[in-house]
Amino acid sequence: MDDPYKVLGVPRDATQEQIKSAYRKLARKLHPDLNPGNRQSEERFKKVGAANDLLSDPKQRARFDAGEIDASGAEQRPRANSGAWSGGRAAGEGFPFGDDTGDILSEMLRRRGQGGARRGFSFGDFDDNARGADAHYLLRVTLPEAALGTTKRIGLATGRNLDIKVPPGTDEGTVLRLKGQGGGGLGSGPPGDALIEVRIEPHPIFTRVGDDIQMILPVTLAEAALGAKVTVPTLDGKVALTIPPGSNTGSVLRLKGKGVPKGRGAGDLLVTLEVKLPERIDAELETFLRKWSAANPYKVRD
């Protein structure tokens, strides 16, 4: 596995804000929607996401820095004479031990707050009908999928494939629980659960703020000055938007009900205008602007 710090291009003493900023920049640059068919970019996008999953979690990051887990999130095996047990969990995967008794015991040790290490224990110390360990998974979805709801199929450590329903309005970090889909219990003990943590991929256009969706819409000088009707994307398709005459960069237009669904309604889509000049100012436009600005001066700065 690649070093997550190198993947994100940050130093090992980077702050959480620096890690977040580096991830956002790379995710937007490498997003599959902006690089269709580019397998190399897609692989880098996945690595950037995995690195952020690890380093954005302070506890996981501390364990990685201490050498307790590797870059994938899996437990580092202790030396044979260390007397420590290792159950382990890979980031983005379930606990790999399945129904293996030795690994289930090590998980029970960690749950009892003994740090996963113990010498001289006896099997009489354990409940013969103990509940199985929970299995942890990461489920990546797009922003529209999280906002509108979707169904995703995942493979469990038990070998089963299940369709997971992601409800509309799901937030980043939401944990979905599947009863009885974790590690097997001891004896007649019940199995643990599968815990699926939802991670939302950065979107190249939309940003979610609560139940609203925000986006920046580039417009031409003529559209801003004279007004226009343009087509804009939303979470569930394209709609027409009317730009009022005399609009400026920073003007915000609101499309009611085009945000994240909530109850019987939905949030709004907030469109921020950004006036873009042509790449080249030709002689005709330059002559007009010089003549017009001389006859119509106005202040834009104090």
Protein backbone atom coordinates (compact mmCIF):
# COMPACT_ATOMS: atom_id res chain seq x y z
CA MET A 1 0.00 0.00 0.00
CA ASP A 2 1.19 3.52 -0.79
CA ASP A 3 2.01 5.87 2.08
CA PRO A 4 -1.19 7.95 2.56
CA TYR A 5 0.84 11.09 3.31
CA LYS A 6 2.65 10.76 -0.05
CA VAL A 7 -0.61 10.01 -1.86
CA LEU A 8 -2.12 13.29 -0.61
CA GLY A 9 1.17 15.17 -0.93
CA VAL A 10 1.22 16.41 2.68
CA PRO A 11 3.90 16.19 5.39
CA ARG A 12 3.48 13.78 8.29
CA ASP A 13 2.86 16.70 10.66
CA ALA A 14 0.11 18.17 8.45
CA THR A 15 -2.93 19.55 10.23
CA GLN A 16 -6.38 18.03 9.68
CA GLU A 17 -7.33 21.15 7.71
CA GLN A 18 -4.30 20.71 5.41
CA ILE A 19 -5.23 17.07 4.84
CA LYS A 20 -8.82 18.03 4.07
CA SER A 21 -7.71 20.76 1.65
CA ALA A 22 -5.25 18.48 -0.16
CA TYR A 23 -7.88 15.78 -0.51
CA ARG A 24 -10.48 18.15 -1.94
CA LYS A 25 -8.08 19.54 -4.53
CA LEU A 26 -6.98 16.10 -5.71
CA ALA A 27 -10.49 14.65 -5.63
CA ARG A 28 -11.85 17.44 -7.82
CA LYS A 29 -8.91 17.11 -10.23
CA LEU A 30 -9.15 13.32 -10.52
CA HIS A 31 -12.92 12.85 -10.30
CA PRO A 32 -14.09 10.25 -12.90
CA ASP A 33 -16.78 12.63 -14.17
CA LEU A 34 -14.04 15.04 -15.26
CA ASN A 35 -11.78 12.28 -16.64
CA PRO A 36 -14.10 9.87 -18.48
CA GLY A 37 -12.37 6.69 -19.59
CA ASN A 38 -9.08 7.58 -17.88
CA ARG A 39 -8.25 4.42 -15.88
CA GLN A 40 -5.05 5.89 -14.43
CA SER A 41 -6.93 8.90 -13.09
CA GLU A 42 -9.64 6.61 -11.68
CA GLU A 43 -7.07 4.51 -9.82
CA ARG A 44 -5.44 7.63 -8.37
CA PHE A 45 -8.88 8.89 -7.32
CA LYS A 46 -9.46 5.65 -5.39
CA LYS A 47 -6.05 5.87 -3.71
CA VAL A 48 -6.67 9.50 -2.73
CA GLY A 49 -10.01 8.50 -1.21
CA ALA A 50 -8.45 5.63 0.77
CA ALA A 51 -5.65 7.87 2.04
CA ASN A 52 -8.16 10.47 3.18
CA ASP A 53 -10.29 7.81 4.89
CA LEU A 54 -7.30 6.90 7.04
CA LEU A 55 -5.79 10.31 7.77
CA SER A 56 -9.05 12.18 8.29
CA ASP A 57 -9.83 9.93 11.26
CA PRO A 58 -7.58 11.15 14.14
CA LYS A 59 -7.67 7.78 15.91
CA GLN A 60 -6.83 5.79 12.79
CA ARG A 61 -4.13 8.29 11.87
CA ALA A 62 -2.54 8.01 15.33
CA ARG A 63 -2.54 4.21 15.08
CA PHE A 64 -0.95 4.37 11.61
CA ASP A 65 1.73 6.80 12.83
CA ALA A 66 2.45 4.45 15.75
CA GLY A 67 2.82 1.47 13.41
CA GLU A 68 -0.20 -0.35 14.83
CA ILE A 69 -1.96 -0.50 11.45
CA ASP A 70 -0.77 -0.32 7.87
CA ALA A 71 -1.87 2.06 5.12
CA SER A 72 -4.93 -0.09 4.36
CA GLY A 73 -6.07 0.08 7.98
CA ALA A 74 -5.19 -3.57 8.68
CA GLU A 75 -3.61 -4.51 12.00
CA GLN A 76 0.14 -4.95 11.91
CA ARG A 77 1.04 -8.44 13.07
CA PRO A 78 3.11 -8.41 16.27
CA ARG A 79 6.31 -10.45 16.58
CA ALA A 80 5.87 -14.08 17.51
CA ASN A 81 7.26 -13.59 21.03
CA SER A 82 5.29 -10.45 21.81
CA GLY A 83 2.35 -12.30 23.39
CA ALA A 84 -0.13 -10.01 21.63
CA TRP A 85 -3.16 -11.07 19.65
CA SER A 86 -4.28 -9.44 16.39
CA GLY A 87 -7.75 -9.55 14.93
CA GLY A 88 -7.47 -6.57 12.63
CA ARG A 89 -9.70 -4.73 10.23
CA ALA A 90 -8.92 -3.43 6.80
CA ALA A 91 -10.30 0.01 5.97
CA GLY A 92 -13.14 -0.39 3.54
CA GLU A 93 -13.47 -4.12 4.23
CA GLY A 94 -15.09 -6.28 6.87
CA PHE A 95 -13.20 -7.99 9.66
CA PRO A 96 -11.37 -10.68 7.67
CA PHE A 97 -11.47 -13.32 10.42
CA GLY A 98 -15.00 -14.54 9.62
CA ASP A 99 -15.80 -17.27 12.17
CA ASP A 100 -12.20 -18.06 13.18
CA THR A 101 -12.28 -18.66 16.94
CA GLY A 102 -8.81 -17.32 17.69
CA ASP A 103 -9.48 -14.02 15.99
CA ILE A 104 -12.91 -13.71 17.60
CA LEU A 105 -11.24 -14.13 21.01
CA SER A 106 -8.77 -11.38 20.19
CA GLU A 107 -11.67 -9.10 19.26
CA MET A 108 -13.30 -9.91 22.60
CA LEU A 109 -10.08 -8.99 24.37
CA ARG A 110 -10.04 -5.60 22.69
CA ARG A 111 -13.67 -5.04 23.67
CA ARG A 112 -12.78 -5.71 27.30
CA GLY A 113 -10.33 -2.80 27.14
CA GLN A 114 -7.20 -4.95 27.45
CA GLY A 115 -5.52 -3.47 24.37
CA GLY A 116 -5.52 -6.80 22.54
CA ALA A 117 -2.67 -8.18 24.66
CA ARG A 118 -2.89 -10.69 27.50
CA ARG A 119 -0.72 -13.47 28.87
CA GLY A 120 -1.72 -16.57 30.71
CA PHE A 121 -5.47 -16.43 30.11
CA SER A 122 -7.69 -19.51 30.12
CA PHE A 123 -10.63 -20.28 27.91
CA GLY A 124 -12.79 -20.27 31.01
CA ASP A 125 -12.42 -16.49 31.01
CA PHE A 126 -14.83 -16.21 28.07
CA ASP A 127 -18.56 -16.52 27.66
CA ASP A 128 -19.21 -19.74 25.70
CA ASN A 129 -22.19 -18.09 24.01
CA ALA A 130 -20.68 -14.69 23.31
CA ARG A 131 -22.07 -12.46 20.56
CA GLY A 132 -20.00 -12.28 17.38
CA ALA A 133 -17.91 -9.25 16.45
CA ASP A 134 -19.30 -6.47 14.30
CA ALA A 135 -17.89 -6.17 10.77
CA HIS A 136 -17.08 -2.70 9.43
CA TYR A 137 -17.33 -1.55 5.82
CA LEU A 138 -17.03 1.69 3.84
CA LEU A 139 -19.59 2.43 1.14
CA ARG A 140 -18.77 5.17 -1.35
CA VAL A 141 -21.63 7.00 -3.05
CA THR A 142 -21.93 10.11 -5.18
CA LEU A 143 -23.50 13.28 -3.84
CA PRO A 144 -26.67 12.83 -5.95
CA GLU A 145 -26.98 9.21 -4.76
CA ALA A 146 -26.70 10.27 -1.12
CA ALA A 147 -29.14 13.14 -1.59
CA LEU A 148 -31.79 11.30 -3.61
CA GLY A 149 -31.28 7.79 -2.23
CA THR A 150 -29.95 4.71 -4.00
CA THR A 151 -29.35 0.98 -3.70
CA LYS A 152 -25.80 -0.38 -3.73
CA ARG A 153 -24.59 -3.97 -3.72
CA ILE A 154 -21.66 -4.83 -1.46
CA GLY A 155 -19.77 -8.05 -0.77
CA LEU A 156 -19.55 -9.07 2.88
CA ALA A 157 -16.65 -10.85 4.55
CA THR A 158 -18.98 -13.85 4.94
CA GLY A 159 -19.04 -14.19 1.15
CA ARG A 160 -22.60 -12.96 0.77
CA ASN A 161 -23.63 -10.09 -1.50
CA LEU A 162 -26.30 -7.76 -0.18
CA ASP A 163 -28.19 -4.81 -1.67
CA ILE A 164 -27.89 -1.83 0.67
CA LYS A 165 -30.58 0.85 0.60
CA VAL A 166 -29.13 4.32 1.09
CA PRO A 167 -32.08 6.52 2.14
CA PRO A 168 -32.63 10.00 0.63
CA GLY A 169 -30.83 12.78 2.50
CA THR A 170 -28.04 10.54 3.81
CA ASP A 171 -25.18 12.53 5.37
CA GLU A 172 -21.43 11.93 5.22
CA GLY A 173 -20.42 9.44 7.91
CA THR A 174 -23.89 7.92 8.35
CA VAL A 175 -23.60 4.32 9.59
CA LEU A 176 -26.10 1.79 8.27
CA ARG A 177 -26.52 -1.34 10.44
CA LEU A 178 -27.30 -4.79 9.03
CA LYS A 179 -28.42 -7.05 11.86
CA GLY A 180 -26.74 -10.45 12.06
CA GLN A 181 -24.37 -9.92 9.11
CA GLY A 182 -21.15 -9.67 11.15
CA GLY A 183 -18.80 -12.28 12.63
CA GLY A 184 -20.23 -15.55 13.96
CA GLY A 185 -20.88 -15.89 17.68
CA LEU A 186 -19.37 -18.46 20.07
CA GLY A 187 -21.52 -21.50 20.76
CA SER A 188 -25.14 -20.45 20.52
CA GLY A 189 -24.25 -16.76 20.71
CA PRO A 190 -25.82 -14.51 18.05
CA PRO A 191 -23.74 -13.15 15.15
CA GLY A 192 -22.56 -9.56 15.19
CA ASP A 193 -23.80 -6.86 12.84
CA ALA A 194 -22.40 -5.35 9.67
CA LEU A 195 -21.82 -1.61 10.06
CA ILE A 196 -21.65 0.26 6.75
CA GLU A 197 -20.23 3.77 6.95
CA VAL A 198 -21.29 6.01 4.06
CA ARG A 199 -18.64 8.21 2.43
CA ILE A 200 -19.77 10.81 -0.13
CA GLU A 201 -17.41 11.51 -3.02
CA PRO A 202 -16.67 15.16 -3.87
CA HIS A 203 -18.77 16.39 -6.78
CA PRO A 204 -17.17 18.48 -9.56
CA ILE A 205 -20.09 20.96 -9.59
CA PHE A 206 -22.27 20.64 -6.48
CA THR A 207 -21.52 21.28 -2.80
CA ARG A 208 -23.97 20.27 -0.09
CA VAL A 209 -24.65 22.64 2.81
CA GLY A 210 -27.32 21.19 5.09
CA ASP A 211 -30.33 20.47 2.89
CA ASP A 212 -29.28 23.01 0.23
CA ILE A 213 -27.08 22.39 -2.78
CA GLN A 214 -24.72 25.13 -3.94
CA MET A 215 -23.07 25.58 -7.32
CA ILE A 216 -21.17 28.24 -9.29
CA LEU A 217 -22.55 29.06 -12.75
CA PRO A 218 -20.29 30.84 -15.26
CA VAL A 219 -22.17 33.39 -17.41
CA THR A 220 -21.10 35.64 -20.26
CA LEU A 221 -20.85 39.40 -20.07
CA ALA A 222 -23.93 39.75 -22.30
CA GLU A 223 -25.98 37.27 -20.23
CA ALA A 224 -25.14 39.12 -17.02
CA ALA A 225 -25.74 42.60 -18.42
CA LEU A 226 -28.81 41.94 -20.58
CA GLY A 227 -30.33 38.95 -18.80
CA ALA A 228 -30.89 35.51 -20.29
CA LYS A 229 -32.55 32.14 -19.86
CA VAL A 230 -29.99 29.33 -19.49
CA THR A 231 -30.02 25.62 -18.70
CA VAL A 232 -28.45 24.49 -15.41
CA PRO A 233 -27.87 21.02 -13.95
CA THR A 234 -29.64 19.85 -10.78
CA LEU A 235 -29.44 16.65 -8.73
CA ASP A 236 -32.15 15.02 -10.86
CA GLY A 237 -31.77 16.64 -14.30
CA LYS A 238 -31.51 19.96 -16.08
CA VAL A 239 -33.86 22.92 -15.66
CA ALA A 240 -34.22 26.42 -17.10
CA LEU A 241 -32.94 29.37 -15.04
CA THR A 242 -33.71 33.03 -15.73
CA ILE A 243 -30.80 35.42 -15.17
CA PRO A 244 -32.08 38.95 -14.44
CA PRO A 245 -30.58 41.86 -16.40
CA GLY A 246 -27.76 43.63 -14.55
CA SER A 247 -26.59 40.55 -12.63
CA ASN A 248 -23.13 40.57 -11.09
CA THR A 249 -20.54 38.02 -10.06
CA GLY A 250 -21.65 36.79 -6.66
CA SER A 251 -25.37 37.19 -7.34
CA VAL A 252 -27.22 34.16 -5.93
CA LEU A 253 -30.31 32.75 -7.64
CA ARG A 254 -32.47 30.24 -5.77
CA LEU A 255 -34.25 27.26 -7.32
CA LYS A 256 -36.82 26.17 -4.73
CA GLY A 257 -37.08 22.47 -3.96
CA LYS A 258 -34.07 21.46 -6.07
CA GLY A 259 -31.87 20.62 -3.08
CA VAL A 260 -31.78 17.58 -0.76
CA PRO A 261 -35.17 15.94 -0.06
CA LYS A 262 -36.39 16.32 3.54
CA GLY A 263 -39.73 14.99 4.73
CA ARG A 264 -42.38 16.08 2.26
CA GLY A 265 -40.26 18.87 0.79
CA ALA A 266 -36.66 19.53 -0.15
CA GLY A 267 -33.90 22.06 0.24
CA ASP A 268 -33.02 24.55 -2.49
CA LEU A 269 -30.39 24.83 -5.20
CA LEU A 270 -28.40 28.05 -4.74
CA VAL A 271 -26.76 29.19 -7.98
CA THR A 272 -23.94 31.74 -7.61
CA LEU A 273 -23.18 33.64 -10.81
CA GLU A 274 -19.64 34.19 -12.02
CA VAL A 275 -19.26 36.61 -14.92
CA LYS A 276 -16.64 35.42 -17.41
CA LEU A 277 -15.10 37.70 -20.02
CA PRO A 278 -14.12 36.25 -23.40
CA GLU A 279 -10.59 34.87 -23.58
CA ARG A 280 -9.74 37.48 -26.18
CA ILE A 281 -11.05 41.07 -26.24
CA ASP A 282 -11.33 41.94 -29.94
CA ALA A 283 -10.98 45.46 -31.37
CA GLU A 284 -14.73 45.98 -31.72
CA LEU A 285 -15.45 45.20 -28.06
CA GLU A 286 -12.44 47.21 -26.89
CA THR A 287 -13.55 50.29 -28.85
CA PHE A 288 -17.10 50.01 -27.53
CA LEU A 289 -15.99 49.63 -23.91
CA ARG A 290 -13.60 52.56 -24.05
CA LYS A 291 -16.28 54.82 -25.51
CA TRP A 292 -19.01 53.58 -23.17
CA SER A 293 -16.91 53.73 -19.97
CA ALA A 294 -15.77 57.28 -20.75
CA ALA A 295 -19.41 58.39 -21.07
CA ASN A 296 -20.73 56.28 -18.16
CA PRO A 297 -18.20 56.22 -15.30
CA TYR A 298 -19.26 54.44 -12.09
CA LYS A 299 -17.52 53.41 -8.87
CA VAL A 300 -16.95 49.80 -7.85
CA ARG A 301 -14.38 50.48 -5.07
CA ASP A 302 -14.50 52.81 -2.09
